[in-house]
Amino acid sequence: MNKKAISFVAVIILLPVMIIYSATTGSIDITAIDLIKGIFTGTNEDLNVIKDLRFPRIVISLLAGATLAVSGVLLQAVMRNPLAEPGIIGVSSGAGFFTLLMIALFPTFFFYAPLFAFIGGALAFLLVYTFSWKSGLNPLRMILIGVAINAVFTGLSELLSAQSANSMMSSISVTSSTLTMKTWKDVEVIALYGSIGLIVAFFLYAWCNHLSLKDETLKNLGFRVNRARFTISVVAVLLASVATAIAGMFTFVGLLIPHIGRALVGNDHKVLIPFSTLAGALLILTADTLGRTIMAPIEIPASIIMAIIGGPFLIFLLRKSDRIYGH
């Protein structure tokens, strides 16, 4: 077996193992055999609690990880920047702010939360892209502008949450990425929008591969660069926004997974996108499971686990790659 096949097999094996471990570990412990029996027989009372509380959390973790990882892959393809990631460049914070705004103004429009999140994420992305364009999308400049945009939307979110207790409670779920008390209704929302985005993303793999070439070369070949860049950007923002609206704000998922994926399966997006989907799902589920079990009964938000992992990784990338500095 080659490196690509081994990597896929490893992720495919680890994913169900982690799902079973996450489902059977926590305040209510249950064996894997009892879990499987209870699913088919429905006689285990503990399983009903796990179904209503733990299973939605697991599914949302999987979908959030998958969507954020693929969003990172797409953004890096569009910007030709190894540091492009929805959490770093402000897309997630923009989506989070508009989600809070929707909750404050229209609390009954929960099902449309991804739409408001998409508007916020798109606005943040547009601002970063516009202000970075002057220097030809210089990687370091783009990151610095993204950090500034992220700070602005984060500040606006905190200001909005301070206005009322309801929005403050909502802000906790949106900004801290604590996946407690998620319901099957949340699953329906992220499954609908997230699945659409992931399916469309896979069919864009050829365009992502083309964008690795220079714009002049692509235009000479008759390739519509701007159309491809716009379409891929829309899908990337959708994926990041729906994850933020339902699961909260995570950083570094869209940075870690694409880099690991390229090292293991290569740069071909036909392979990289499916691998990132699986690996991203595994990463967030692992982070959330560790967060709620490592110091139980105290729960550490999965976003904190990701920050601890991703921060050093970002520093490593900045030190390693000359092109990140625009040299």
Protein backbone atom coordinates (compact mmCIF):
# COMPACT_ATOMS: atom_id res chain seq x y z
CA MET A 1 0.00 0.00 0.00
CA ASN A 2 1.23 3.49 -0.81
CA LYS A 3 1.29 6.48 1.53
CA LYS A 4 -2.07 7.83 0.33
CA ALA A 5 -3.87 4.52 0.82
CA ILE A 6 -2.36 4.00 4.27
CA SER A 7 -3.39 7.51 5.33
CA PHE A 8 -6.99 7.00 4.20
CA VAL A 9 -7.21 3.58 5.84
CA ALA A 10 -5.81 4.96 9.10
CA VAL A 11 -8.35 7.80 9.22
CA ILE A 12 -11.24 5.53 8.22
CA ILE A 13 -10.33 3.10 11.04
CA LEU A 14 -9.71 5.78 13.68
CA LEU A 15 -12.96 7.64 12.96
CA PRO A 16 -15.43 4.91 14.06
CA VAL A 17 -13.14 3.98 16.95
CA MET A 18 -13.26 7.56 18.23
CA ILE A 19 -17.02 7.76 17.66
CA ILE A 20 -17.59 4.64 19.78
CA TYR A 21 -15.16 5.85 22.46
CA SER A 22 -16.83 9.25 22.60
CA ALA A 23 -20.30 7.72 22.78
CA THR A 24 -19.40 5.33 25.59
CA THR A 25 -17.27 7.65 27.75
CA GLY A 26 -18.50 10.41 30.04
CA SER A 27 -20.76 10.94 33.04
CA ILE A 28 -22.69 7.87 31.90
CA ASP A 29 -20.34 5.00 31.06
CA ILE A 30 -21.54 2.20 28.85
CA THR A 31 -19.70 -0.57 27.07
CA ALA A 32 -19.48 -0.68 23.29
CA ILE A 33 -21.42 -3.95 23.24
CA ASP A 34 -24.23 -2.49 25.36
CA LEU A 35 -24.25 0.57 23.12
CA ILE A 36 -24.70 -1.51 19.98
CA LYS A 37 -27.31 -3.75 21.61
CA GLY A 38 -29.23 -0.77 22.96
CA ILE A 39 -29.35 0.90 19.54
CA PHE A 40 -31.13 -2.12 18.07
CA THR A 41 -33.26 -3.17 21.06
CA GLY A 42 -33.97 0.22 22.69
CA THR A 43 -34.14 -1.38 26.14
CA ASN A 44 -31.24 0.46 27.80
CA GLU A 45 -32.46 3.59 29.62
CA ASP A 46 -28.96 5.10 29.75
CA LEU A 47 -28.80 4.84 25.98
CA ASN A 48 -31.81 7.14 25.63
CA VAL A 49 -29.89 9.84 27.52
CA ILE A 50 -26.84 9.24 25.34
CA LYS A 51 -28.97 9.43 22.20
CA ASP A 52 -30.45 12.78 23.16
CA LEU A 53 -27.34 14.46 24.61
CA ARG A 54 -24.17 12.75 23.41
CA PHE A 55 -25.03 11.64 19.88
CA PRO A 56 -26.03 15.11 18.61
CA ARG A 57 -22.79 16.46 20.06
CA ILE A 58 -20.78 13.78 18.27
CA VAL A 59 -22.47 14.39 14.92
CA ILE A 60 -22.03 18.16 15.19
CA SER A 61 -18.34 17.70 16.08
CA LEU A 62 -17.86 15.52 13.01
CA LEU A 63 -19.63 17.90 10.65
CA ALA A 64 -17.99 21.02 12.09
CA GLY A 65 -14.55 19.49 11.75
CA ALA A 66 -15.21 18.36 8.19
CA THR A 67 -16.61 21.71 7.04
CA LEU A 68 -13.87 23.80 8.67
CA ALA A 69 -11.09 21.62 7.29
CA VAL A 70 -12.43 21.75 3.74
CA SER A 71 -13.04 25.49 4.09
CA GLY A 72 -9.35 25.87 4.89
CA VAL A 73 -8.37 23.81 1.85
CA LEU A 74 -10.52 25.97 -0.43
CA LEU A 75 -9.33 29.30 1.03
CA GLN A 76 -5.70 28.26 0.65
CA ALA A 77 -6.35 27.34 -2.98
CA VAL A 78 -8.09 30.64 -3.72
CA MET A 79 -5.49 32.84 -2.03
CA ARG A 80 -2.47 30.65 -2.80
CA ASN A 81 -1.60 31.18 0.83
CA PRO A 82 -0.66 28.38 3.27
CA LEU A 83 -1.95 30.48 6.18
CA ALA A 84 -5.44 31.17 4.83
CA GLU A 85 -7.84 29.75 7.41
CA PRO A 86 -11.36 30.91 8.35
CA GLY A 87 -10.53 31.39 12.03
CA ILE A 88 -7.34 33.36 11.42
CA ILE A 89 -8.53 35.71 8.66
CA GLY A 90 -11.75 36.70 10.43
CA VAL A 91 -14.36 34.69 8.53
CA SER A 92 -15.41 32.77 11.64
CA SER A 93 -15.62 35.86 13.85
CA GLY A 94 -17.65 37.69 11.18
CA ALA A 95 -20.00 34.72 10.98
CA GLY A 96 -20.20 34.58 14.77
CA PHE A 97 -21.08 38.26 15.09
CA PHE A 98 -23.89 38.10 12.55
CA THR A 99 -25.20 34.93 14.22
CA LEU A 100 -25.37 36.79 17.55
CA LEU A 101 -27.04 39.70 15.81
CA MET A 102 -29.68 37.38 14.38
CA ILE A 103 -30.25 35.78 17.79
CA ALA A 104 -30.69 39.21 19.38
CA LEU A 105 -33.03 40.57 16.70
CA PHE A 106 -34.88 37.46 15.48
CA PRO A 107 -34.60 34.70 18.12
CA THR A 108 -37.26 32.57 16.42
CA PHE A 109 -35.33 32.37 13.12
CA PHE A 110 -32.92 29.72 14.37
CA PHE A 111 -33.06 27.66 11.18
CA TYR A 112 -31.77 30.67 9.24
CA ALA A 113 -28.73 31.16 11.49
CA PRO A 114 -26.35 29.80 8.80
CA LEU A 115 -27.69 32.43 6.37
CA PHE A 116 -26.85 35.30 8.74
CA ALA A 117 -23.52 33.63 9.54
CA PHE A 118 -22.78 33.38 5.82
CA ILE A 119 -23.44 37.11 5.37
CA GLY A 120 -21.05 37.93 8.21
CA GLY A 121 -18.39 35.51 7.00
CA ALA A 122 -18.65 36.81 3.44
CA LEU A 123 -18.31 40.40 4.63
CA ALA A 124 -15.20 39.57 6.66
CA PHE A 125 -13.66 37.68 3.74
CA LEU A 126 -14.44 40.53 1.35
CA LEU A 127 -12.78 43.05 3.66
CA VAL A 128 -9.64 40.94 4.03
CA TYR A 129 -9.47 40.26 0.29
CA THR A 130 -10.02 43.93 -0.61
CA PHE A 131 -7.46 45.37 1.80
CA SER A 132 -4.90 42.69 0.87
CA TRP A 133 -5.30 43.12 -2.88
CA LYS A 134 -3.18 46.28 -2.99
CA SER A 135 -0.06 44.24 -2.30
CA GLY A 136 -1.03 41.38 -4.60
CA LEU A 137 -2.34 39.22 -1.75
CA ASN A 138 0.95 39.28 0.13
CA PRO A 139 0.61 36.37 2.61
CA LEU A 140 1.88 38.19 5.70
CA ARG A 141 -0.16 41.32 4.93
CA MET A 142 -3.28 39.22 4.46
CA ILE A 143 -2.81 37.54 7.83
CA LEU A 144 -2.23 40.85 9.61
CA ILE A 145 -5.36 42.33 8.03
CA GLY A 146 -7.26 39.17 8.91
CA VAL A 147 -6.17 39.46 12.54
CA ALA A 148 -7.42 43.06 12.57
CA ILE A 149 -10.77 42.12 11.01
CA ASN A 150 -11.05 39.24 13.47
CA ALA A 151 -10.45 41.62 16.38
CA VAL A 152 -13.11 44.04 15.14
CA PHE A 153 -15.82 41.39 14.80
CA THR A 154 -14.82 39.76 18.09
CA GLY A 155 -15.15 43.14 19.82
CA LEU A 156 -18.53 43.73 18.21
CA SER A 157 -19.67 40.30 19.40
CA GLU A 158 -18.63 41.07 22.97
CA LEU A 159 -20.35 44.44 22.80
CA LEU A 160 -23.55 42.84 21.54
CA SER A 161 -23.45 40.10 24.17
CA ALA A 162 -23.10 42.69 26.92
CA GLN A 163 -26.44 44.29 25.98
CA SER A 164 -28.67 41.59 27.37
CA ALA A 165 -28.55 38.33 29.24
CA ASN A 166 -30.08 36.41 26.35
CA SER A 167 -27.44 37.45 23.87
CA MET A 168 -24.78 36.84 26.47
CA MET A 169 -25.92 33.28 26.88
CA SER A 170 -26.04 32.91 23.13
CA SER A 171 -22.54 34.31 22.82
CA ILE A 172 -21.21 31.61 25.10
CA SER A 173 -22.29 28.89 22.69
CA VAL A 174 -21.14 30.80 19.62
CA THR A 175 -17.74 32.01 20.82
CA SER A 176 -16.54 29.33 23.22
CA SER A 177 -17.29 26.27 21.07
CA THR A 178 -18.62 24.33 24.04
CA LEU A 179 -20.70 21.70 22.33
CA THR A 180 -22.89 20.92 25.33
CA MET A 181 -26.68 20.88 25.10
CA LYS A 182 -26.74 20.47 21.34
CA THR A 183 -29.93 18.92 20.01
CA TRP A 184 -31.03 16.98 16.94
CA LYS A 185 -32.44 20.25 15.65
CA ASP A 186 -28.91 21.64 15.57
CA VAL A 187 -27.82 18.50 13.75
CA GLU A 188 -30.49 19.01 11.08
CA VAL A 189 -29.29 22.54 10.36
CA ILE A 190 -25.57 21.79 10.10
CA ALA A 191 -26.22 18.54 8.23
CA LEU A 192 -28.32 20.28 5.58
CA TYR A 193 -26.07 23.26 4.86
CA GLY A 194 -22.81 21.46 5.59
CA SER A 195 -23.56 18.51 3.32
CA ILE A 196 -24.45 20.80 0.43
CA GLY A 197 -21.21 22.71 0.87
CA LEU A 198 -19.06 19.58 1.12
CA ILE A 199 -20.59 18.01 -1.98
CA VAL A 200 -20.13 21.18 -4.03
CA ALA A 201 -16.56 21.52 -2.71
CA PHE A 202 -15.61 18.10 -4.04
CA PHE A 203 -16.83 18.97 -7.53
CA LEU A 204 -14.61 22.08 -7.45
CA TYR A 205 -11.41 20.08 -7.04
CA ALA A 206 -10.28 20.66 -10.65
CA TRP A 207 -10.64 24.44 -10.29
CA CYS A 208 -8.63 24.30 -7.06
CA ASN A 209 -5.86 22.45 -8.87
CA HIS A 210 -5.87 25.00 -11.71
CA LEU A 211 -5.51 27.93 -9.31
CA SER A 212 -2.06 26.71 -8.32
CA LEU A 213 -0.89 28.18 -11.64
CA LYS A 214 -0.37 31.88 -12.29
CA ASP A 215 -3.39 33.93 -13.36
CA GLU A 216 -1.74 34.94 -16.64
CA THR A 217 -1.11 31.32 -17.57
CA LEU A 218 -4.69 30.32 -16.76
CA LYS A 219 -6.14 33.21 -18.74
CA ASN A 220 -4.02 32.26 -21.75
CA LEU A 221 -5.47 28.77 -21.48
CA GLY A 222 -9.01 30.22 -21.51
CA PHE A 223 -9.69 29.48 -17.84
CA ARG A 224 -12.03 31.94 -16.11
CA VAL A 225 -9.95 32.71 -13.06
CA ASN A 226 -12.25 35.23 -11.38
CA ARG A 227 -15.32 33.02 -11.74
CA ALA A 228 -13.48 30.06 -10.23
CA ARG A 229 -12.03 32.14 -7.39
CA PHE A 230 -15.43 33.66 -6.58
CA THR A 231 -17.27 30.31 -6.63
CA ILE A 232 -14.71 28.54 -4.47
CA SER A 233 -14.68 31.47 -2.02
CA VAL A 234 -18.47 31.36 -1.65
CA VAL A 235 -18.39 27.64 -0.84
CA ALA A 236 -15.49 28.11 1.61
CA VAL A 237 -17.32 30.90 3.44
CA LEU A 238 -20.53 28.81 3.54
CA LEU A 239 -18.71 25.87 5.11
CA ALA A 240 -16.98 28.00 7.75
CA SER A 241 -20.14 29.98 8.50
CA VAL A 242 -22.44 27.02 9.08
CA ALA A 243 -19.86 25.46 11.42
CA THR A 244 -19.58 28.70 13.37
CA ALA A 245 -23.35 29.21 13.56
CA ILE A 246 -23.96 25.78 15.08
CA ALA A 247 -20.72 24.63 16.74
CA GLY A 248 -19.05 27.94 17.61
CA MET A 249 -15.75 29.47 16.62
CA PHE A 250 -12.77 27.20 16.08
CA THR A 251 -9.38 28.33 14.87
CA PHE A 252 -6.56 26.35 13.29
CA VAL A 253 -8.68 23.42 12.02
CA GLY A 254 -8.50 24.78 8.48
CA LEU A 255 -4.78 25.33 8.96
CA LEU A 256 -3.71 22.04 10.54
CA ILE A 257 -5.65 19.59 8.41
CA PRO A 258 -4.74 20.89 4.90
CA HIS A 259 -1.04 20.88 5.80
CA ILE A 260 -1.20 17.41 7.29
CA GLY A 261 -3.23 16.29 4.28
CA ARG A 262 -0.71 17.61 1.76
CA ALA A 263 2.10 15.85 3.60
CA LEU A 264 0.20 12.55 3.58
CA VAL A 265 -1.83 12.47 0.35
CA GLY A 266 -0.32 15.21 -1.83
CA ASN A 267 -1.57 18.40 -3.44
CA ASP A 268 -4.23 16.95 -5.76
CA HIS A 269 -7.51 18.36 -4.44
CA LYS A 270 -9.41 15.36 -5.79
CA VAL A 271 -7.77 13.40 -2.97
CA LEU A 272 -7.02 16.22 -0.54
CA ILE A 273 -10.64 17.37 -0.12
CA PRO A 274 -12.06 13.92 0.82
CA PHE A 275 -9.10 13.25 3.13
CA SER A 276 -9.50 16.65 4.82
CA THR A 277 -13.22 15.93 5.32
CA LEU A 278 -12.45 12.76 7.26
CA ALA A 279 -9.39 14.08 9.11
CA GLY A 280 -11.16 17.31 10.12
CA ALA A 281 -14.08 15.34 11.51
CA LEU A 282 -11.68 13.15 13.48
CA LEU A 283 -9.74 16.15 14.83
CA ILE A 284 -12.71 18.07 16.28
CA LEU A 285 -14.36 14.94 17.69
CA THR A 286 -11.06 14.03 19.37
CA ALA A 287 -10.64 17.58 20.75
CA ASP A 288 -14.19 17.65 22.09
CA THR A 289 -13.92 14.18 23.62
CA LEU A 290 -10.64 15.10 25.32
CA GLY A 291 -12.13 18.37 26.52
CA ARG A 292 -15.03 16.74 28.33
CA THR A 293 -13.15 13.71 29.73
CA ILE A 294 -9.57 14.74 30.55
CA MET A 295 -10.57 16.85 33.60
CA ALA A 296 -14.11 15.56 34.20
CA PRO A 297 -16.43 16.80 35.58
CA ILE A 298 -14.81 20.09 34.50
CA GLU A 299 -15.22 20.56 30.77
CA ILE A 300 -12.61 22.24 28.56
CA PRO A 301 -14.09 23.76 25.37
CA ALA A 302 -12.87 22.07 22.22
CA SER A 303 -11.80 25.46 20.88
CA ILE A 304 -9.26 25.76 23.72
CA ILE A 305 -7.85 22.32 22.89
CA MET A 306 -7.50 23.43 19.26
CA ALA A 307 -5.81 26.71 20.27
CA ILE A 308 -3.26 24.82 22.36
CA ILE A 309 -2.48 22.57 19.39
CA GLY A 310 -2.77 25.13 16.61
CA GLY A 311 -0.86 28.05 18.11
CA PRO A 312 2.53 26.32 18.13
CA PHE A 313 1.79 24.85 14.69
CA LEU A 314 1.23 28.34 13.27
CA ILE A 315 4.52 29.56 14.76
CA PHE A 316 6.24 26.54 13.23
CA LEU A 317 4.85 27.37 9.79
CA LEU A 318 5.88 31.02 10.08
CA ARG A 319 9.45 30.00 10.91
CA LYS A 320 9.67 27.27 8.31
CA SER A 321 8.34 28.76 5.09
CA ASP A 322 9.99 31.72 3.40
CA ARG A 323 7.07 32.26 1.06
CA ILE A 324 4.80 33.00 4.00
CA TYR A 325 6.74 36.20 4.42
CA GLY A 326 6.28 37.01 0.76
CA HIS A 327 10.00 36.52 -0.13
